[in-house]
Amino acid sequence: MRRCPTPGIIMGGPMEFRVTAPMRARLSEYGGFHRSTANELCHFLGIPSIVVGAAALFGVLRIATLGSWHLTLTELVVAAVVAFYLTSARWLGVVTSVLFGAFALLGRALPWTLGLGLFLGGWALQFVGHAVFEKRSPAFLRNLLHLLVGPAWLVERGFGRL
């Protein structure tokens, strides 16, 4: 493997970001549950839909009000997820956090009813991908942490396909 001019990225074969050893093991395990191209496509559509939908739904739950701005469960969840990504996934975590935050902002701008549809539709895509194309249960059924690993895996996989 050779270093990419961008710090934190290793090249040679599929592109990989430099991450902590536990995160690399999680990404590898998660990848083992996603070998079918059709299942990957379901995830590339489903995971962002779930994030946007969840942000819209969590945005209904206000924690505090500061003037005209409302702190909601969305912001608290995003902060916790970003902390996880930045501490365990380094540069992959930075890129994933930016995308995750953008999806959350989009979700906060949507009505909760549309968010519910996106959330349920995203999960339906996940389960169709596993039942029809992968013929294997989702990774998060073995390890709930894979719910956080999925978006980072998609980012790394997407960069690897460029």
C-alpha atoms as a PDB file:
ATOM      1  CA  MET A   1       0.000   0.000   0.000  1.00  0.00           C
ATOM      2  CA  ARG A   2       1.135   3.525  -0.679  1.00  0.00           C
ATOM      3  CA  ARG A   3       0.220   6.790   0.930  1.00  0.00           C
ATOM      4  CA  CYS A   4      -2.079   9.198  -0.834  1.00  0.00           C
ATOM      5  CA  PRO A   5      -1.012  12.867  -0.901  1.00  0.00           C
ATOM      6  CA  THR A   6      -4.010  13.533   1.365  1.00  0.00           C
ATOM      7  CA  PRO A   7      -3.067  12.744   4.996  1.00  0.00           C
ATOM      8  CA  GLY A   8      -4.893   9.827   6.571  1.00  0.00           C
ATOM      9  CA  ILE A   9      -5.705   7.976   3.349  1.00  0.00           C
ATOM     10  CA  ILE A  10      -4.025   4.745   2.301  1.00  0.00           C
ATOM     11  CA  MET A  11      -4.128   3.654  -1.337  1.00  0.00           C
ATOM     12  CA  GLY A  12      -3.483   0.369  -3.100  1.00  0.00           C
ATOM     13  CA  GLY A  13      -6.537  -1.700  -3.880  1.00  0.00           C
ATOM     14  CA  PRO A  14      -9.794  -0.283  -2.561  1.00  0.00           C
ATOM     15  CA  MET A  15      -9.213   3.098  -0.952  1.00  0.00           C
ATOM     16  CA  GLU A  16      -9.129   3.001   2.823  1.00  0.00           C
ATOM     17  CA  PHE A  17      -9.005   5.827   5.299  1.00  0.00           C
ATOM     18  CA  ARG A  18      -6.687   5.446   8.263  1.00  0.00           C
ATOM     19  CA  VAL A  19      -8.892   4.680  11.279  1.00  0.00           C
ATOM     20  CA  THR A  20      -8.418   3.170  14.725  1.00  0.00           C
ATOM     21  CA  ALA A  21      -7.892  -0.600  14.848  1.00  0.00           C
ATOM     22  CA  PRO A  22     -11.292  -1.250  16.465  1.00  0.00           C
ATOM     23  CA  MET A  23     -13.021   0.848  13.801  1.00  0.00           C
ATOM     24  CA  ARG A  24     -11.179  -0.969  10.990  1.00  0.00           C
ATOM     25  CA  ALA A  25     -12.351  -4.286  12.469  1.00  0.00           C
ATOM     26  CA  ARG A  26     -15.941  -2.967  12.604  1.00  0.00           C
ATOM     27  CA  LEU A  27     -15.749  -1.695   9.016  1.00  0.00           C
ATOM     28  CA  SER A  28     -14.382  -5.050   7.844  1.00  0.00           C
ATOM     29  CA  GLU A  29     -17.048  -7.003   9.696  1.00  0.00           C
ATOM     30  CA  TYR A  30     -19.757  -4.691   8.351  1.00  0.00           C
ATOM     31  CA  GLY A  31     -18.395  -5.109   4.827  1.00  0.00           C
ATOM     32  CA  GLY A  32     -18.784  -8.871   5.163  1.00  0.00           C
ATOM     33  CA  PHE A  33     -22.537  -8.363   5.446  1.00  0.00           C
ATOM     34  CA  HIS A  34     -22.642  -6.251   2.280  1.00  0.00           C
ATOM     35  CA  ARG A  35     -21.136  -8.165  -0.652  1.00  0.00           C
ATOM     36  CA  SER A  36     -23.927  -7.761  -3.206  1.00  0.00           C
ATOM     37  CA  THR A  37     -23.884  -4.671  -5.438  1.00  0.00           C
ATOM     38  CA  ALA A  38     -27.681  -4.509  -5.297  1.00  0.00           C
ATOM     39  CA  ASN A  39     -27.618  -4.603  -1.488  1.00  0.00           C
ATOM     40  CA  GLU A  40     -24.986  -1.843  -1.499  1.00  0.00           C
ATOM     41  CA  LEU A  41     -27.274   0.269  -3.687  1.00  0.00           C
ATOM     42  CA  CYS A  42     -30.123  -0.300  -1.221  1.00  0.00           C
ATOM     43  CA  HIS A  43     -27.792   0.960   1.517  1.00  0.00           C
ATOM     44  CA  PHE A  44     -26.557   3.971  -0.479  1.00  0.00           C
ATOM     45  CA  LEU A  45     -30.194   5.033  -0.782  1.00  0.00           C
ATOM     46  CA  GLY A  46     -31.512   3.699   2.516  1.00  0.00           C
ATOM     47  CA  ILE A  47     -28.957   4.929   5.050  1.00  0.00           C
ATOM     48  CA  PRO A  48     -29.140   8.610   4.036  1.00  0.00           C
ATOM     49  CA  SER A  49     -32.945   8.316   4.013  1.00  0.00           C
ATOM     50  CA  ILE A  50     -32.873   6.923   7.551  1.00  0.00           C
ATOM     51  CA  VAL A  51     -30.552   9.702   8.777  1.00  0.00           C
ATOM     52  CA  VAL A  52     -32.630  12.470   7.157  1.00  0.00           C
ATOM     53  CA  GLY A  53     -35.857  10.904   8.405  1.00  0.00           C
ATOM     54  CA  ALA A  54     -34.568  10.396  11.944  1.00  0.00           C
ATOM     55  CA  ALA A  55     -33.376  14.017  12.053  1.00  0.00           C
ATOM     56  CA  ALA A  56     -36.845  15.199  11.043  1.00  0.00           C
ATOM     57  CA  LEU A  57     -38.467  13.013  13.697  1.00  0.00           C
ATOM     58  CA  PHE A  58     -35.980  13.883  16.458  1.00  0.00           C
ATOM     59  CA  GLY A  59     -36.392  17.543  15.518  1.00  0.00           C
ATOM     60  CA  VAL A  60     -39.913  17.448  16.921  1.00  0.00           C
ATOM     61  CA  LEU A  61     -38.526  16.770  20.417  1.00  0.00           C
ATOM     62  CA  ARG A  62     -37.407  20.143  21.780  1.00  0.00           C
ATOM     63  CA  ILE A  63     -34.903  20.181  24.626  1.00  0.00           C
ATOM     64  CA  ALA A  64     -34.388  23.938  25.048  1.00  0.00           C
ATOM     65  CA  THR A  65     -35.231  27.202  23.320  1.00  0.00           C
ATOM     66  CA  LEU A  66     -32.686  29.968  22.795  1.00  0.00           C
ATOM     67  CA  GLY A  67     -34.466  32.938  21.280  1.00  0.00           C
ATOM     68  CA  SER A  68     -35.973  31.725  18.024  1.00  0.00           C
ATOM     69  CA  TRP A  69     -33.677  28.682  17.833  1.00  0.00           C
ATOM     70  CA  HIS A  70     -34.705  25.338  19.308  1.00  0.00           C
ATOM     71  CA  LEU A  71     -32.263  22.733  20.588  1.00  0.00           C
ATOM     72  CA  THR A  72     -33.781  19.379  19.755  1.00  0.00           C
ATOM     73  CA  LEU A  73     -32.918  15.750  20.165  1.00  0.00           C
ATOM     74  CA  THR A  74     -31.501  15.910  16.620  1.00  0.00           C
ATOM     75  CA  GLU A  75     -28.641  18.193  17.674  1.00  0.00           C
ATOM     76  CA  LEU A  76     -27.830  16.069  20.727  1.00  0.00           C
ATOM     77  CA  VAL A  77     -27.767  12.850  18.705  1.00  0.00           C
ATOM     78  CA  VAL A  78     -25.668  14.442  15.947  1.00  0.00           C
ATOM     79  CA  ALA A  79     -23.163  15.727  18.533  1.00  0.00           C
ATOM     80  CA  ALA A  80     -22.795  12.236  20.038  1.00  0.00           C
ATOM     81  CA  VAL A  81     -22.458  10.570  16.618  1.00  0.00           C
ATOM     82  CA  VAL A  82     -19.887  13.144  15.451  1.00  0.00           C
ATOM     83  CA  ALA A  83     -17.880  12.593  18.655  1.00  0.00           C
ATOM     84  CA  PHE A  84     -17.883   8.848  17.937  1.00  0.00           C
ATOM     85  CA  TYR A  85     -16.744   9.349  14.337  1.00  0.00           C
ATOM     86  CA  LEU A  86     -14.013  11.849  15.151  1.00  0.00           C
ATOM     87  CA  THR A  87     -12.509   9.708  17.915  1.00  0.00           C
ATOM     88  CA  SER A  88     -12.698   6.359  16.150  1.00  0.00           C
ATOM     89  CA  ALA A  89     -12.535   7.072  12.446  1.00  0.00           C
ATOM     90  CA  ARG A  90     -10.142  10.045  12.109  1.00  0.00           C
ATOM     91  CA  TRP A  91     -10.310  11.489   8.542  1.00  0.00           C
ATOM     92  CA  LEU A  92     -13.063   9.082   7.616  1.00  0.00           C
ATOM     93  CA  GLY A  93     -14.833  10.433  10.686  1.00  0.00           C
ATOM     94  CA  VAL A  94     -14.385  14.018   9.511  1.00  0.00           C
ATOM     95  CA  VAL A  95     -15.874  13.292   6.087  1.00  0.00           C
ATOM     96  CA  THR A  96     -18.663  11.141   7.542  1.00  0.00           C
ATOM     97  CA  SER A  97     -19.442  13.809  10.167  1.00  0.00           C
ATOM     98  CA  VAL A  98     -19.783  16.525   7.535  1.00  0.00           C
ATOM     99  CA  LEU A  99     -22.156  14.380   5.474  1.00  0.00           C
ATOM    100  CA  PHE A 100     -24.053  13.218   8.557  1.00  0.00           C
ATOM    101  CA  GLY A 101     -24.451  16.837   9.676  1.00  0.00           C
ATOM    102  CA  ALA A 102     -25.666  17.893   6.228  1.00  0.00           C
ATOM    103  CA  PHE A 103     -28.256  15.110   6.193  1.00  0.00           C
ATOM    104  CA  ALA A 104     -29.352  16.114   9.703  1.00  0.00           C
ATOM    105  CA  LEU A 105     -29.773  19.754   8.622  1.00  0.00           C
ATOM    106  CA  LEU A 106     -31.867  18.619   5.685  1.00  0.00           C
ATOM    107  CA  GLY A 107     -33.983  16.493   8.000  1.00  0.00           C
ATOM    108  CA  ARG A 108     -34.527  19.373  10.418  1.00  0.00           C
ATOM    109  CA  ALA A 109     -35.946  21.420   7.535  1.00  0.00           C
ATOM    110  CA  LEU A 110     -38.549  18.772   6.658  1.00  0.00           C
ATOM    111  CA  PRO A 111     -41.947  18.156   8.226  1.00  0.00           C
ATOM    112  CA  TRP A 112     -42.005  15.167  10.553  1.00  0.00           C
ATOM    113  CA  THR A 113     -44.501  13.354   8.329  1.00  0.00           C
ATOM    114  CA  LEU A 114     -42.071  13.379   5.405  1.00  0.00           C
ATOM    115  CA  GLY A 115     -39.313  12.374   7.836  1.00  0.00           C
ATOM    116  CA  LEU A 116     -41.378   9.395   8.939  1.00  0.00           C
ATOM    117  CA  GLY A 117     -41.819   8.301   5.330  1.00  0.00           C
ATOM    118  CA  LEU A 118     -38.087   8.621   4.627  1.00  0.00           C
ATOM    119  CA  PHE A 119     -37.211   6.785   7.840  1.00  0.00           C
ATOM    120  CA  LEU A 120     -39.546   3.867   7.149  1.00  0.00           C
ATOM    121  CA  GLY A 121     -38.678   3.758   3.448  1.00  0.00           C
ATOM    122  CA  GLY A 122     -34.960   3.730   4.259  1.00  0.00           C
ATOM    123  CA  TRP A 123     -35.387   0.813   6.631  1.00  0.00           C
ATOM    124  CA  ALA A 124     -37.510  -1.015   4.069  1.00  0.00           C
ATOM    125  CA  LEU A 125     -34.679  -0.647   1.533  1.00  0.00           C
ATOM    126  CA  GLN A 126     -32.202  -2.039   4.074  1.00  0.00           C
ATOM    127  CA  PHE A 127     -34.276  -5.117   4.758  1.00  0.00           C
ATOM    128  CA  VAL A 128     -35.086  -5.696   1.078  1.00  0.00           C
ATOM    129  CA  GLY A 129     -31.364  -5.486   0.306  1.00  0.00           C
ATOM    130  CA  HIS A 130     -30.543  -8.101   2.892  1.00  0.00           C
ATOM    131  CA  ALA A 131     -33.496 -10.422   2.271  1.00  0.00           C
ATOM    132  CA  VAL A 132     -33.562 -10.333  -1.525  1.00  0.00           C
ATOM    133  CA  PHE A 133     -29.978  -9.651  -2.589  1.00  0.00           C
ATOM    134  CA  GLU A 134     -27.645 -10.492   0.293  1.00  0.00           C
ATOM    135  CA  LYS A 135     -29.647 -13.367   1.791  1.00  0.00           C
ATOM    136  CA  ARG A 136     -28.116 -12.552   5.168  1.00  0.00           C
ATOM    137  CA  SER A 137     -29.388 -10.687   8.209  1.00  0.00           C
ATOM    138  CA  PRO A 138     -28.241  -7.081   8.755  1.00  0.00           C
ATOM    139  CA  ALA A 139     -24.973  -6.576  10.650  1.00  0.00           C
ATOM    140  CA  PHE A 140     -26.606  -4.473  13.376  1.00  0.00           C
ATOM    141  CA  LEU A 141     -28.570  -7.508  14.561  1.00  0.00           C
ATOM    142  CA  ARG A 142     -25.229  -8.911  15.784  1.00  0.00           C
ATOM    143  CA  ASN A 143     -23.760  -5.612  17.005  1.00  0.00           C
ATOM    144  CA  LEU A 144     -25.821  -2.449  17.507  1.00  0.00           C
ATOM    145  CA  LEU A 145     -22.689  -0.350  16.996  1.00  0.00           C
ATOM    146  CA  HIS A 146     -23.006  -1.231  13.313  1.00  0.00           C
ATOM    147  CA  LEU A 147     -25.843   1.308  13.173  1.00  0.00           C
ATOM    148  CA  LEU A 148     -23.065   3.921  13.449  1.00  0.00           C
ATOM    149  CA  VAL A 149     -20.564   2.010  11.321  1.00  0.00           C
ATOM    150  CA  GLY A 150     -22.904   1.874   8.303  1.00  0.00           C
ATOM    151  CA  PRO A 151     -22.639   5.554   7.314  1.00  0.00           C
ATOM    152  CA  ALA A 152     -18.826   5.515   7.671  1.00  0.00           C
ATOM    153  CA  TRP A 153     -18.628   2.322   5.615  1.00  0.00           C
ATOM    154  CA  LEU A 154     -20.728   3.974   2.887  1.00  0.00           C
ATOM    155  CA  VAL A 155     -18.407   6.991   2.808  1.00  0.00           C
ATOM    156  CA  GLU A 156     -15.302   4.836   2.530  1.00  0.00           C
ATOM    157  CA  ARG A 157     -16.965   2.591  -0.045  1.00  0.00           C
ATOM    158  CA  GLY A 158     -18.104   5.607  -2.049  1.00  0.00           C
ATOM    159  CA  PHE A 159     -14.604   7.081  -2.111  1.00  0.00           C
ATOM    160  CA  GLY A 160     -13.260   3.684  -3.144  1.00  0.00           C
ATOM    161  CA  ARG A 161     -15.581   3.686  -6.147  1.00  0.00           C
ATOM    162  CA  LEU A 162     -14.419   7.115  -7.413  1.00  0.00           C
END
